[in-house]
Structures are given as structure tokens and as C-alpha cells.
PDB file of N, CA and C in Angstrom:
ATOM      1  N   MET A   1      -0.296  14.702 -18.698  1.00  0.00           N
ATOM      2  CA  MET A   1      -1.231  14.205 -18.022  1.00  0.00           C
ATOM      3  C   MET A   1      -0.995  12.312 -17.486  1.00  0.00           C
ATOM      4  N   LYS A   2      -0.048  12.373 -16.363  1.00  0.00           N
ATOM      5  CA  LYS A   2      -0.794  10.731 -16.099  1.00  0.00           C
ATOM      6  C   LYS A   2      -1.399   9.989 -16.426  1.00  0.00           C
ATOM      7  N   GLU A   3      -0.905   8.889 -16.669  1.00  0.00           N
ATOM      8  CA  GLU A   3      -1.784   7.840 -17.247  1.00  0.00           C
ATOM      9  C   GLU A   3      -2.406   6.913 -16.186  1.00  0.00           C
ATOM     10  N   HIS A   4      -3.058   5.512 -15.699  1.00  0.00           N
ATOM     11  CA  HIS A   4      -4.224   5.367 -14.423  1.00  0.00           C
ATOM     12  C   HIS A   4      -3.666   3.819 -15.716  1.00  0.00           C
ATOM     13  N   LEU A   5      -3.224   2.660 -14.411  1.00  0.00           N
ATOM     14  CA  LEU A   5      -4.376   1.881 -15.032  1.00  0.00           C
ATOM     15  C   LEU A   5      -4.653   1.437 -13.673  1.00  0.00           C
ATOM     16  N   TYR A   6      -6.577   0.576 -14.320  1.00  0.00           N
ATOM     17  CA  TYR A   6      -7.502   0.826 -13.077  1.00  0.00           C
ATOM     18  C   TYR A   6      -7.514  -0.691 -13.056  1.00  0.00           C
ATOM     19  N   TYR A   7      -8.710  -0.880 -11.958  1.00  0.00           N
ATOM     20  CA  TYR A   7      -8.387  -2.787 -11.771  1.00  0.00           C
ATOM     21  C   TYR A   7      -9.481  -2.525 -11.381  1.00  0.00           C
ATOM     22  N   VAL A   8     -10.583  -3.657 -12.293  1.00  0.00           N
ATOM     23  CA  VAL A   8     -11.328  -3.970 -11.403  1.00  0.00           C
ATOM     24  C   VAL A   8     -11.378  -5.918 -10.751  1.00  0.00           C
ATOM     25  N   TYR A   9     -11.192  -6.137  -9.619  1.00  0.00           N
ATOM     26  CA  TYR A   9     -10.813  -6.995  -9.187  1.00  0.00           C
ATOM     27  C   TYR A   9     -12.234  -7.982  -8.345  1.00  0.00           C
ATOM     28  N   ILE A  10     -12.440  -9.463  -8.191  1.00  0.00           N
ATOM     29  CA  ILE A  10     -12.561 -10.196  -7.519  1.00  0.00           C
ATOM     30  C   ILE A  10     -12.003 -11.351  -6.160  1.00  0.00           C
ATOM     31  N   VAL A  11     -11.674 -10.576  -5.099  1.00  0.00           N
ATOM     32  CA  VAL A  11     -11.857 -11.180  -4.210  1.00  0.00           C
ATOM     33  C   VAL A  11     -12.559 -12.823  -3.349  1.00  0.00           C
ATOM     34  N   THR A  12     -12.215 -13.534  -2.824  1.00  0.00           N
ATOM     35  CA  THR A  12     -12.905 -14.511  -2.706  1.00  0.00           C
ATOM     36  C   THR A  12     -12.114 -14.790  -0.893  1.00  0.00           C
ATOM     37  N   ASN A  13     -12.854 -15.888  -0.385  1.00  0.00           N
ATOM     38  CA  ASN A  13     -12.752 -16.444   1.097  1.00  0.00           C
ATOM     39  C   ASN A  13     -11.759 -17.518   1.132  1.00  0.00           C
ATOM     40  N   PRO A  14     -10.651 -18.076   2.117  1.00  0.00           N
ATOM     41  CA  PRO A  14     -10.372 -19.383   2.008  1.00  0.00           C
ATOM     42  C   PRO A  14     -10.499 -20.249   1.219  1.00  0.00           C
ATOM     43  N   SER A  15     -11.680 -20.612   1.498  1.00  0.00           N
ATOM     44  CA  SER A  15     -12.518 -21.543   1.133  1.00  0.00           C
ATOM     45  C   SER A  15     -13.569 -21.405   0.146  1.00  0.00           C
ATOM     46  N   ARG A  16     -13.365 -20.295  -0.399  1.00  0.00           N
ATOM     47  CA  ARG A  16     -13.713 -20.103  -1.864  1.00  0.00           C
ATOM     48  C   ARG A  16     -15.219 -20.249  -2.156  1.00  0.00           C
ATOM     49  N   LYS A  17     -16.005 -19.623  -0.963  1.00  0.00           N
ATOM     50  CA  LYS A  17     -17.518 -19.324  -0.704  1.00  0.00           C
ATOM     51  C   LYS A  17     -18.061 -17.805  -0.983  1.00  0.00           C
ATOM     52  N   SER A  18     -17.486 -17.124  -0.957  1.00  0.00           N
ATOM     53  CA  SER A  18     -17.657 -15.909  -0.756  1.00  0.00           C
ATOM     54  C   SER A  18     -16.737 -15.482  -1.991  1.00  0.00           C
ATOM     55  N   LEU A  19     -17.796 -13.981  -2.263  1.00  0.00           N
ATOM     56  CA  LEU A  19     -16.928 -13.077  -3.012  1.00  0.00           C
ATOM     57  C   LEU A  19     -16.744 -11.413  -3.561  1.00  0.00           C
ATOM     58  N   TYR A  20     -16.399 -10.965  -3.780  1.00  0.00           N
ATOM     59  CA  TYR A  20     -16.527  -8.916  -3.533  1.00  0.00           C
ATOM     60  C   TYR A  20     -15.483  -8.963  -4.357  1.00  0.00           C
ATOM     61  N   ILE A  21     -16.408  -8.024  -4.693  1.00  0.00           N
ATOM     62  CA  ILE A  21     -16.665  -7.292  -6.594  1.00  0.00           C
ATOM     63  C   ILE A  21     -16.060  -5.250  -6.275  1.00  0.00           C
ATOM     64  N   GLY A  22     -14.699  -5.560  -6.507  1.00  0.00           N
ATOM     65  CA  GLY A  22     -14.213  -3.553  -5.762  1.00  0.00           C
ATOM     66  C   GLY A  22     -13.418  -3.627  -7.311  1.00  0.00           C
ATOM     67  N   VAL A  23     -12.605  -2.320  -7.305  1.00  0.00           N
ATOM     68  CA  VAL A  23     -12.025  -1.590  -8.569  1.00  0.00           C
ATOM     69  C   VAL A  23     -11.992  -0.792  -7.096  1.00  0.00           C
ATOM     70  N   THR A  24     -10.099  -0.588  -8.056  1.00  0.00           N
ATOM     71  CA  THR A  24      -9.479   0.088  -7.602  1.00  0.00           C
ATOM     72  C   THR A  24      -7.663   0.485  -8.112  1.00  0.00           C
ATOM     73  N   VAL A  25      -7.053   1.470  -7.823  1.00  0.00           N
ATOM     74  CA  VAL A  25      -5.627   1.976  -9.015  1.00  0.00           C
ATOM     75  C   VAL A  25      -4.605   1.575  -8.793  1.00  0.00           C
ATOM     76  N   ASN A  26      -4.793   1.300  -7.006  1.00  0.00           N
ATOM     77  CA  ASN A  26      -3.048   0.216  -6.649  1.00  0.00           C
ATOM     78  C   ASN A  26      -3.648  -1.628  -5.731  1.00  0.00           C
ATOM     79  N   LEU A  27      -3.849  -1.778  -6.597  1.00  0.00           N
ATOM     80  CA  LEU A  27      -5.043  -3.701  -6.707  1.00  0.00           C
ATOM     81  C   LEU A  27      -3.244  -4.156  -5.292  1.00  0.00           C
ATOM     82  N   ALA A  28      -2.489  -4.013  -5.461  1.00  0.00           N
ATOM     83  CA  ALA A  28      -1.496  -4.469  -4.312  1.00  0.00           C
ATOM     84  C   ALA A  28      -2.302  -3.816  -3.138  1.00  0.00           C
ATOM     85  N   ALA A  29      -2.355  -2.250  -2.880  1.00  0.00           N
ATOM     86  CA  ALA A  29      -2.680  -1.965  -1.536  1.00  0.00           C
ATOM     87  C   ALA A  29      -3.382  -2.688  -1.176  1.00  0.00           C
ATOM     88  N   ARG A  30      -4.609  -1.812  -1.988  1.00  0.00           N
ATOM     89  CA  ARG A  30      -6.108  -3.497  -2.105  1.00  0.00           C
ATOM     90  C   ARG A  30      -6.432  -4.335  -1.157  1.00  0.00           C
ATOM     91  N   LEU A  31      -5.339  -5.426  -1.643  1.00  0.00           N
ATOM     92  CA  LEU A  31      -5.082  -6.214  -1.004  1.00  0.00           C
ATOM     93  C   LEU A  31      -4.634  -6.688  -0.152  1.00  0.00           C
ATOM     94  N   GLU A  32      -4.330  -5.753   0.430  1.00  0.00           N
ATOM     95  CA  GLU A  32      -3.837  -5.813   1.543  1.00  0.00           C
ATOM     96  C   GLU A  32      -4.507  -4.422   2.219  1.00  0.00           C
ATOM     97  N   GLU A  33      -5.080  -3.725   2.273  1.00  0.00           N
ATOM     98  CA  GLU A  33      -6.012  -4.161   3.474  1.00  0.00           C
ATOM     99  C   GLU A  33      -7.492  -4.790   3.502  1.00  0.00           C
ATOM    100  N   HIS A  34      -7.851  -5.456   2.222  1.00  0.00           N
ATOM    101  CA  HIS A  34      -8.323  -6.230   2.554  1.00  0.00           C
ATOM    102  C   HIS A  34      -7.858  -7.953   3.402  1.00  0.00           C
ATOM    103  N   TYR A  35      -7.073  -7.636   3.404  1.00  0.00           N
ATOM    104  CA  TYR A  35      -5.665  -9.015   4.528  1.00  0.00           C
ATOM    105  C   TYR A  35      -6.029  -7.843   5.881  1.00  0.00           C
ATOM    106  N   GLN A  36      -5.483  -6.894   6.206  1.00  0.00           N
ATOM    107  CA  GLN A  36      -5.615  -6.210   7.479  1.00  0.00           C
ATOM    108  C   GLN A  36      -7.315  -6.396   7.543  1.00  0.00           C
ATOM    109  N   ASN A  37      -7.962  -6.202   6.774  1.00  0.00           N
ATOM    110  CA  ASN A  37      -9.707  -6.143   7.574  1.00  0.00           C
ATOM    111  C   ASN A  37      -9.824  -7.629   7.716  1.00  0.00           C
ATOM    112  N   ARG A  38     -10.137  -8.218   7.187  1.00  0.00           N
ATOM    113  CA  ARG A  38     -10.495 -10.065   7.624  1.00  0.00           C
ATOM    114  C   ARG A  38     -11.137  -9.827   9.006  1.00  0.00           C
ATOM    115  N   GLY A  39     -11.682  -9.854   9.154  1.00  0.00           N
ATOM    116  CA  GLY A  39     -12.459 -10.466  10.194  1.00  0.00           C
ATOM    117  C   GLY A  39     -13.661  -8.864  10.630  1.00  0.00           C
ATOM    118  N   ASN A  40     -13.301  -8.108   9.788  1.00  0.00           N
ATOM    119  CA  ASN A  40     -13.872  -6.620  10.586  1.00  0.00           C
ATOM    120  C   ASN A  40     -15.024  -6.710  10.109  1.00  0.00           C
ATOM    121  N   SER A  41     -16.100  -7.030  11.014  1.00  0.00           N
ATOM    122  CA  SER A  41     -17.871  -7.221  10.453  1.00  0.00           C
ATOM    123  C   SER A  41     -18.396  -5.098   9.485  1.00  0.00           C
ATOM    124  N   THR A  42     -17.796  -5.252  10.076  1.00  0.00           N
ATOM    125  CA  THR A  42     -17.403  -3.594   9.577  1.00  0.00           C
ATOM    126  C   THR A  42     -17.495  -3.180   7.838  1.00  0.00           C
ATOM    127  N   THR A  43     -16.689  -4.183   7.402  1.00  0.00           N
ATOM    128  CA  THR A  43     -16.806  -3.871   6.399  1.00  0.00           C
ATOM    129  C   THR A  43     -17.867  -5.750   5.832  1.00  0.00           C
ATOM    130  N   TRP A  44     -18.351  -5.277   4.414  1.00  0.00           N
ATOM    131  CA  TRP A  44     -18.250  -6.683   3.510  1.00  0.00           C
ATOM    132  C   TRP A  44     -17.589  -7.694   3.366  1.00  0.00           C
ATOM    133  N   ALA A  45     -16.643  -7.781   2.725  1.00  0.00           N
ATOM    134  CA  ALA A  45     -15.321  -8.343   2.374  1.00  0.00           C
ATOM    135  C   ALA A  45     -14.309  -8.300   3.897  1.00  0.00           C
ATOM    136  N   GLY A  46     -14.335  -7.944   4.681  1.00  0.00           N
ATOM    137  CA  GLY A  46     -13.843  -8.021   6.081  1.00  0.00           C
ATOM    138  C   GLY A  46     -14.361  -9.164   6.557  1.00  0.00           C
ATOM    139  N   LYS A  47     -16.157  -8.946   6.980  1.00  0.00           N
ATOM    140  CA  LYS A  47     -16.781  -9.871   7.255  1.00  0.00           C
ATOM    141  C   LYS A  47     -17.495 -11.056   7.145  1.00  0.00           C
ATOM    142  N   TYR A  48     -16.930 -11.489   5.645  1.00  0.00           N
ATOM    143  CA  TYR A  48     -16.816 -12.894   5.043  1.00  0.00           C
ATOM    144  C   TYR A  48     -15.598 -12.986   5.264  1.00  0.00           C
ATOM    145  N   TYR A  49     -13.770 -12.701   5.133  1.00  0.00           N
ATOM    146  CA  TYR A  49     -12.860 -13.239   5.415  1.00  0.00           C
ATOM    147  C   TYR A  49     -12.186 -13.240   3.952  1.00  0.00           C
ATOM    148  N   CYS A  50     -12.840 -11.547   2.395  1.00  0.00           N
ATOM    149  CA  CYS A  50     -13.001 -11.966   1.246  1.00  0.00           C
ATOM    150  C   CYS A  50     -11.535 -11.021   0.854  1.00  0.00           C
ATOM    151  N   TYR A  51     -10.212 -11.957   0.664  1.00  0.00           N
ATOM    152  CA  TYR A  51      -9.410 -11.655   0.944  1.00  0.00           C
ATOM    153  C   TYR A  51      -8.063 -11.463  -0.013  1.00  0.00           C
ATOM    154  N   LYS A  52      -7.900 -13.175  -0.440  1.00  0.00           N
ATOM    155  CA  LYS A  52      -8.013 -14.003  -2.129  1.00  0.00           C
ATOM    156  C   LYS A  52      -7.761 -13.658  -2.959  1.00  0.00           C
ATOM    157  N   LEU A  53      -7.127 -12.826  -4.268  1.00  0.00           N
ATOM    158  CA  LEU A  53      -7.707 -12.456  -5.431  1.00  0.00           C
ATOM    159  C   LEU A  53      -7.906 -13.323  -6.322  1.00  0.00           C
ATOM    160  N   ILE A  54      -9.110 -13.497  -7.168  1.00  0.00           N
ATOM    161  CA  ILE A  54      -8.579 -14.946  -8.044  1.00  0.00           C
ATOM    162  C   ILE A  54      -9.392 -14.626  -9.093  1.00  0.00           C
ATOM    163  N   TYR A  55      -9.494 -12.888  -9.346  1.00  0.00           N
ATOM    164  CA  TYR A  55      -9.863 -12.275 -10.990  1.00  0.00           C
ATOM    165  C   TYR A  55      -9.481 -11.111 -10.964  1.00  0.00           C
ATOM    166  N   TYR A  56      -9.030 -10.335 -12.082  1.00  0.00           N
ATOM    167  CA  TYR A  56      -8.829  -8.797 -12.166  1.00  0.00           C
ATOM    168  C   TYR A  56      -9.271  -8.331 -13.512  1.00  0.00           C
ATOM    169  N   GLU A  57      -9.505  -7.595 -13.697  1.00  0.00           N
ATOM    170  CA  GLU A  57      -9.069  -7.214 -14.989  1.00  0.00           C
ATOM    171  C   GLU A  57      -8.489  -5.730 -15.465  1.00  0.00           C
ATOM    172  N   THR A  58      -7.980  -5.004 -16.475  1.00  0.00           N
ATOM    173  CA  THR A  58      -7.189  -3.888 -16.197  1.00  0.00           C
ATOM    174  C   THR A  58      -8.488  -3.124 -17.707  1.00  0.00           C
ATOM    175  N   PHE A  59      -8.582  -1.539 -16.895  1.00  0.00           N
ATOM    176  CA  PHE A  59      -8.620  -0.898 -17.547  1.00  0.00           C
ATOM    177  C   PHE A  59      -8.145   0.568 -17.526  1.00  0.00           C
ATOM    178  N   LYS A  60      -7.678   1.251 -19.086  1.00  0.00           N
ATOM    179  CA  LYS A  60      -7.445   2.897 -19.240  1.00  0.00           C
ATOM    180  C   LYS A  60      -8.237   4.041 -18.350  1.00  0.00           C
ATOM    181  N   TYR A  61      -9.745   4.003 -18.321  1.00  0.00           N
ATOM    182  CA  TYR A  61     -10.360   4.841 -18.051  1.00  0.00           C
ATOM    183  C   TYR A  61     -11.187   4.624 -17.450  1.00  0.00           C
ATOM    184  N   ILE A  62     -10.895   5.009 -16.087  1.00  0.00           N
ATOM    185  CA  ILE A  62     -12.649   5.044 -14.802  1.00  0.00           C
ATOM    186  C   ILE A  62     -13.805   5.103 -15.187  1.00  0.00           C
ATOM    187  N   ASN A  63     -14.311   5.426 -15.948  1.00  0.00           N
ATOM    188  CA  ASN A  63     -15.468   5.325 -16.702  1.00  0.00           C
ATOM    189  C   ASN A  63     -15.980   3.855 -17.020  1.00  0.00           C
ATOM    190  N   LYS A  64     -14.728   3.398 -18.094  1.00  0.00           N
ATOM    191  CA  LYS A  64     -15.233   1.550 -18.187  1.00  0.00           C
ATOM    192  C   LYS A  64     -14.988   0.579 -17.146  1.00  0.00           C
ATOM    193  N   VAL A  65     -13.869   1.210 -16.338  1.00  0.00           N
ATOM    194  CA  VAL A  65     -13.919  -0.092 -15.104  1.00  0.00           C
ATOM    195  C   VAL A  65     -15.223   0.399 -14.136  1.00  0.00           C
ATOM    196  N   ILE A  66     -15.538   1.444 -14.356  1.00  0.00           N
ATOM    197  CA  ILE A  66     -16.323   1.700 -13.177  1.00  0.00           C
ATOM    198  C   ILE A  66     -17.877   0.321 -13.438  1.00  0.00           C
ATOM    199  N   ALA A  67     -18.129   1.000 -14.699  1.00  0.00           N
ATOM    200  CA  ALA A  67     -19.363   0.285 -16.002  1.00  0.00           C
ATOM    201  C   ALA A  67     -18.657  -1.507 -15.687  1.00  0.00           C
ATOM    202  N   ARG A  68     -17.681  -1.952 -15.674  1.00  0.00           N
ATOM    203  CA  ARG A  68     -16.915  -2.989 -15.128  1.00  0.00           C
ATOM    204  C   ARG A  68     -17.922  -4.065 -14.024  1.00  0.00           C
ATOM    205  N   GLU A  69     -17.833  -3.075 -13.311  1.00  0.00           N
ATOM    206  CA  GLU A  69     -18.218  -3.117 -11.593  1.00  0.00           C
ATOM    207  C   GLU A  69     -19.468  -2.987 -12.064  1.00  0.00           C
ATOM    208  N   LYS A  70     -20.010  -2.558 -12.526  1.00  0.00           N
ATOM    209  CA  LYS A  70     -20.873  -2.575 -11.592  1.00  0.00           C
ATOM    210  C   LYS A  70     -21.552  -3.565 -12.336  1.00  0.00           C
ATOM    211  N   GLN A  71     -21.864  -3.797 -13.820  1.00  0.00           N
ATOM    212  CA  GLN A  71     -22.417  -4.985 -15.017  1.00  0.00           C
ATOM    213  C   GLN A  71     -21.894  -6.296 -14.202  1.00  0.00           C
ATOM    214  N   LEU A  72     -20.438  -6.330 -13.432  1.00  0.00           N
ATOM    215  CA  LEU A  72     -20.569  -7.707 -12.842  1.00  0.00           C
ATOM    216  C   LEU A  72     -21.023  -7.437 -11.366  1.00  0.00           C
ATOM    217  N   LYS A  73     -21.207  -6.842 -10.670  1.00  0.00           N
ATOM    218  CA  LYS A  73     -22.545  -6.497  -8.885  1.00  0.00           C
ATOM    219  C   LYS A  73     -23.721  -7.130 -10.066  1.00  0.00           C
ATOM    220  N   ARG A  74     -24.120  -7.419 -10.629  1.00  0.00           N
ATOM    221  CA  ARG A  74     -25.829  -7.601 -11.397  1.00  0.00           C
ATOM    222  C   ARG A  74     -25.168  -8.752 -11.806  1.00  0.00           C
ATOM    223  N   TRP A  75     -24.683  -9.313 -11.717  1.00  0.00           N
ATOM    224  CA  TRP A  75     -24.585 -11.029 -12.398  1.00  0.00           C
ATOM    225  C   TRP A  75     -24.459 -11.867 -11.712  1.00  0.00           C
ATOM    226  N   SER A  76     -25.237 -13.406 -11.476  1.00  0.00           N
ATOM    227  CA  SER A  76     -25.373 -14.215 -11.074  1.00  0.00           C
ATOM    228  C   SER A  76     -24.628 -14.727 -10.611  1.00  0.00           C
ATOM    229  N   GLY A  77     -24.187 -15.074  -9.745  1.00  0.00           N
ATOM    230  CA  GLY A  77     -23.524 -16.086  -9.246  1.00  0.00           C
ATOM    231  C   GLY A  77     -22.710 -16.910  -9.927  1.00  0.00           C
ATOM    232  N   ALA A  78     -23.303 -17.819 -10.908  1.00  0.00           N
ATOM    233  CA  ALA A  78     -23.304 -18.466 -11.291  1.00  0.00           C
ATOM    234  C   ALA A  78     -22.609 -18.577 -13.249  1.00  0.00           C
ATOM    235  N   LYS A  79     -23.082 -16.798 -13.770  1.00  0.00           N
ATOM    236  CA  LYS A  79     -22.113 -16.090 -14.300  1.00  0.00           C
ATOM    237  C   LYS A  79     -20.930 -15.613 -13.289  1.00  0.00           C
ATOM    238  N   LYS A  80     -21.138 -15.340 -12.265  1.00  0.00           N
ATOM    239  CA  LYS A  80     -19.055 -15.036 -11.638  1.00  0.00           C
ATOM    240  C   LYS A  80     -18.509 -15.542 -11.835  1.00  0.00           C
ATOM    241  N   GLU A  81     -18.832 -16.830 -11.258  1.00  0.00           N
ATOM    242  CA  GLU A  81     -18.133 -18.336 -11.522  1.00  0.00           C
ATOM    243  C   GLU A  81     -18.027 -18.465 -12.944  1.00  0.00           C
ATOM    244  N   PHE A  82     -18.434 -18.739 -13.987  1.00  0.00           N
ATOM    245  CA  PHE A  82     -18.102 -18.617 -15.517  1.00  0.00           C
ATOM    246  C   PHE A  82     -16.542 -18.062 -15.438  1.00  0.00           C
ATOM    247  N   LEU A  83     -17.237 -16.875 -14.730  1.00  0.00           N
ATOM    248  CA  LEU A  83     -16.644 -15.555 -15.764  1.00  0.00           C
ATOM    249  C   LEU A  83     -14.882 -16.083 -15.321  1.00  0.00           C
ATOM    250  N   ILE A  84     -14.467 -16.041 -14.084  1.00  0.00           N
ATOM    251  CA  ILE A  84     -13.420 -16.693 -13.128  1.00  0.00           C
ATOM    252  C   ILE A  84     -12.963 -17.730 -13.815  1.00  0.00           C
ATOM    253  N   GLY A  85     -13.454 -18.489 -13.935  1.00  0.00           N
ATOM    254  CA  GLY A  85     -13.336 -20.206 -14.465  1.00  0.00           C
ATOM    255  C   GLY A  85     -12.691 -19.981 -15.381  1.00  0.00           C
ATOM    256  N   THR A  86     -12.927 -18.988 -16.974  1.00  0.00           N
ATOM    257  CA  THR A  86     -12.626 -18.910 -18.164  1.00  0.00           C
ATOM    258  C   THR A  86     -10.297 -18.447 -17.002  1.00  0.00           C
ATOM    259  N   LYS A  87     -11.078 -17.285 -17.010  1.00  0.00           N
ATOM    260  CA  LYS A  87      -8.988 -16.617 -16.561  1.00  0.00           C
ATOM    261  C   LYS A  87      -8.313 -17.469 -15.717  1.00  0.00           C
ATOM    262  N   ASN A  88      -9.001 -18.474 -14.529  1.00  0.00           N
ATOM    263  CA  ASN A  88      -8.780 -18.778 -13.530  1.00  0.00           C
ATOM    264  C   ASN A  88      -9.414 -19.817 -13.533  1.00  0.00           C
ATOM    265  N   PRO A  89      -8.955 -21.061 -13.816  1.00  0.00           N
ATOM    266  CA  PRO A  89      -9.873 -22.152 -14.057  1.00  0.00           C
ATOM    267  C   PRO A  89     -10.123 -23.071 -12.472  1.00  0.00           C
ATOM    268  N   ASP A  90      -8.420 -23.070 -12.211  1.00  0.00           N
ATOM    269  CA  ASP A  90      -8.583 -23.637 -10.735  1.00  0.00           C
ATOM    270  C   ASP A  90      -8.532 -22.904  -9.944  1.00  0.00           C
ATOM    271  N   TRP A  91      -9.229 -21.857  -9.997  1.00  0.00           N
ATOM    272  CA  TRP A  91      -9.090 -20.315  -9.032  1.00  0.00           C
ATOM    273  C   TRP A  91      -8.363 -20.504  -8.018  1.00  0.00           C
ATOM    274  N   SER A  92      -7.112 -20.447  -8.343  1.00  0.00           N
ATOM    275  CA  SER A  92      -5.721 -19.716  -7.709  1.00  0.00           C
ATOM    276  C   SER A  92      -5.426 -19.527  -6.989  1.00  0.00           C
ATOM    277  N   PHE A  93      -5.287 -18.545  -6.403  1.00  0.00           N
ATOM    278  CA  PHE A  93      -4.857 -17.675  -5.194  1.00  0.00           C
ATOM    279  C   PHE A  93      -3.622 -16.178  -6.223  1.00  0.00           C
ATOM    280  N   LEU A  94      -4.269 -15.066  -6.533  1.00  0.00           N
ATOM    281  CA  LEU A  94      -2.516 -14.505  -7.106  1.00  0.00           C
ATOM    282  C   LEU A  94      -2.653 -13.232  -6.818  1.00  0.00           C
ATOM    283  N   ASN A  95      -2.772 -13.413  -5.230  1.00  0.00           N
ATOM    284  CA  ASN A  95      -1.977 -12.281  -4.456  1.00  0.00           C
ATOM    285  C   ASN A  95      -0.638 -12.245  -4.346  1.00  0.00           C
ATOM    286  N   LYS A  96      -0.006 -13.617  -4.657  1.00  0.00           N
ATOM    287  CA  LYS A  96       1.367 -13.157  -5.059  1.00  0.00           C
ATOM    288  C   LYS A  96       1.714 -12.022  -5.882  1.00  0.00           C
ATOM    289  N   ASN A  97       0.988 -12.377  -7.281  1.00  0.00           N
ATOM    290  CA  ASN A  97       1.300 -11.087  -8.447  1.00  0.00           C
ATOM    291  C   ASN A  97       1.461 -10.089  -7.844  1.00  0.00           C
ATOM    292  N   PHE A  98       0.482  -9.324  -6.531  1.00  0.00           N
ATOM    293  CA  PHE A  98       0.643  -8.061  -7.271  1.00  0.00           C
ATOM    294  C   PHE A  98       1.085  -7.582  -5.975  1.00  0.00           C
ATOM    295  N   ALA A  99       0.797  -8.298  -4.919  1.00  0.00           N
ATOM    296  CA  ALA A  99       1.506  -7.806  -3.034  1.00  0.00           C
ATOM    297  C   ALA A  99       2.570  -8.553  -3.176  1.00  0.00           C
ATOM    298  N   SER A 100       2.880  -7.729  -1.836  1.00  0.00           N
ATOM    299  CA  SER A 100       4.633  -7.756  -1.461  1.00  0.00           C
ATOM    300  C   SER A 100       4.516  -9.003  -0.584  1.00  0.00           C
ATOM    301  N   PHE A 101       3.705  -9.868   0.146  1.00  0.00           N
ATOM    302  CA  PHE A 101       3.657 -10.515   0.969  1.00  0.00           C
ATOM    303  C   PHE A 101       2.010 -11.997   0.412  1.00  0.00           C
ATOM    304  N   GLU A 102       2.371 -12.790   1.091  1.00  0.00           N
ATOM    305  CA  GLU A 102       1.075 -14.023   1.099  1.00  0.00           C
ATOM    306  C   GLU A 102       0.317 -13.960   2.000  1.00  0.00           C
ATOM    307  N   PRO A 103      -0.631 -13.749   2.162  1.00  0.00           N
ATOM    308  CA  PRO A 103      -2.124 -14.196   3.130  1.00  0.00           C
ATOM    309  C   PRO A 103      -1.764 -16.070   3.239  1.00  0.00           C
ATOM    310  N   THR A 104      -1.762 -15.114   4.430  1.00  0.00           N
ATOM    311  CA  THR A 104      -1.941 -16.719   5.636  1.00  0.00           C
ATOM    312  C   THR A 104      -3.446 -17.523   5.766  1.00  0.00           C
ATOM    313  N   ARG A 105      -2.973 -18.863   5.392  1.00  0.00           N
ATOM    314  CA  ARG A 105      -4.637 -19.704   5.543  1.00  0.00           C
ATOM    315  C   ARG A 105      -5.527 -18.400   6.982  1.00  0.00           C
ATOM    316  N   SER A 106      -5.355 -18.373   8.438  1.00  0.00           N
ATOM    317  CA  SER A 106      -5.535 -18.107   9.525  1.00  0.00           C
ATOM    318  C   SER A 106      -7.566 -17.505   9.039  1.00  0.00           C
ATOM    319  N   TYR A 107      -8.238 -17.520   9.512  1.00  0.00           N
ATOM    320  CA  TYR A 107      -9.357 -16.911   9.653  1.00  0.00           C
ATOM    321  C   TYR A 107      -9.200 -15.628  10.863  1.00  0.00           C
ATOM    322  N   ARG A 108      -7.787 -15.722  11.688  1.00  0.00           N
ATOM    323  CA  ARG A 108      -8.134 -14.892  12.647  1.00  0.00           C
ATOM    324  C   ARG A 108      -6.492 -14.079  12.835  1.00  0.00           C
ATOM    325  N   LYS A 109      -7.412 -12.622  12.591  1.00  0.00           N
ATOM    326  CA  LYS A 109      -6.278 -11.984  12.967  1.00  0.00           C
ATOM    327  C   LYS A 109      -4.802 -11.684  13.599  1.00  0.00           C
ATOM    328  N   HIS A 110      -3.371 -12.608  13.419  1.00  0.00           N
ATOM    329  CA  HIS A 110      -3.057 -12.210  14.381  1.00  0.00           C
ATOM    330  C   HIS A 110      -2.505 -11.305  15.212  1.00  0.00           C
TER     331      HIS A 110
END
């Protein structure tokens, strides 16, 4: 049986004002999807231009990552910001660690 590595992640917009929390098995592909959907008002992350990775955790089991996602989504904004600051105090964009592209600072699709 193949082992998977699951991710719970938080992306933000270029101005770091909005947060989106999600789960995926392929973080690079998911970041690409968020980037391609920027400005798309039919998705929450797209509507608010959330495609910049600022936080992630890894899990071996799907039930654990889903439970963690639900937990994080219930947290206040302040608590989420504190969590991000524990691992990424400067809120640096981490996309280059997973994706083969580096998103531009542009808010518009090219």
C-alpha cells in the first residue's frame, strides 16, 4: 500500500489580509490551482487572491489532516496569525519551496 503525505496549508493574498485554509495530497499542484484561480469570484480563494503559501503541516493519515483543517477553520483570526508566526514569523511566501513557479505580485490574470 502506497503511503501518502497529506498537507493542511494556509495561503494568503499578496497584501497578507485574507487567509484560506485547505487540505491536499499534492501541495505543488494545489498552489498552481490557487494561482490560476486568482480573481475568480466563483471560488473563495480566487475571489480574495489567496495563492501565497505562508504555513503548512504534514500528516501521514487523511483523518488526522481533515481533523486539523476543521480545527484551524474554527480558530479566531488572531489565533491563526499566532500559529503562522510560530513557524513563519515574517510571513514569508513559501511557494518556491513546492511549486515550479514563483507567483507574480500582480492581482490580475495575464
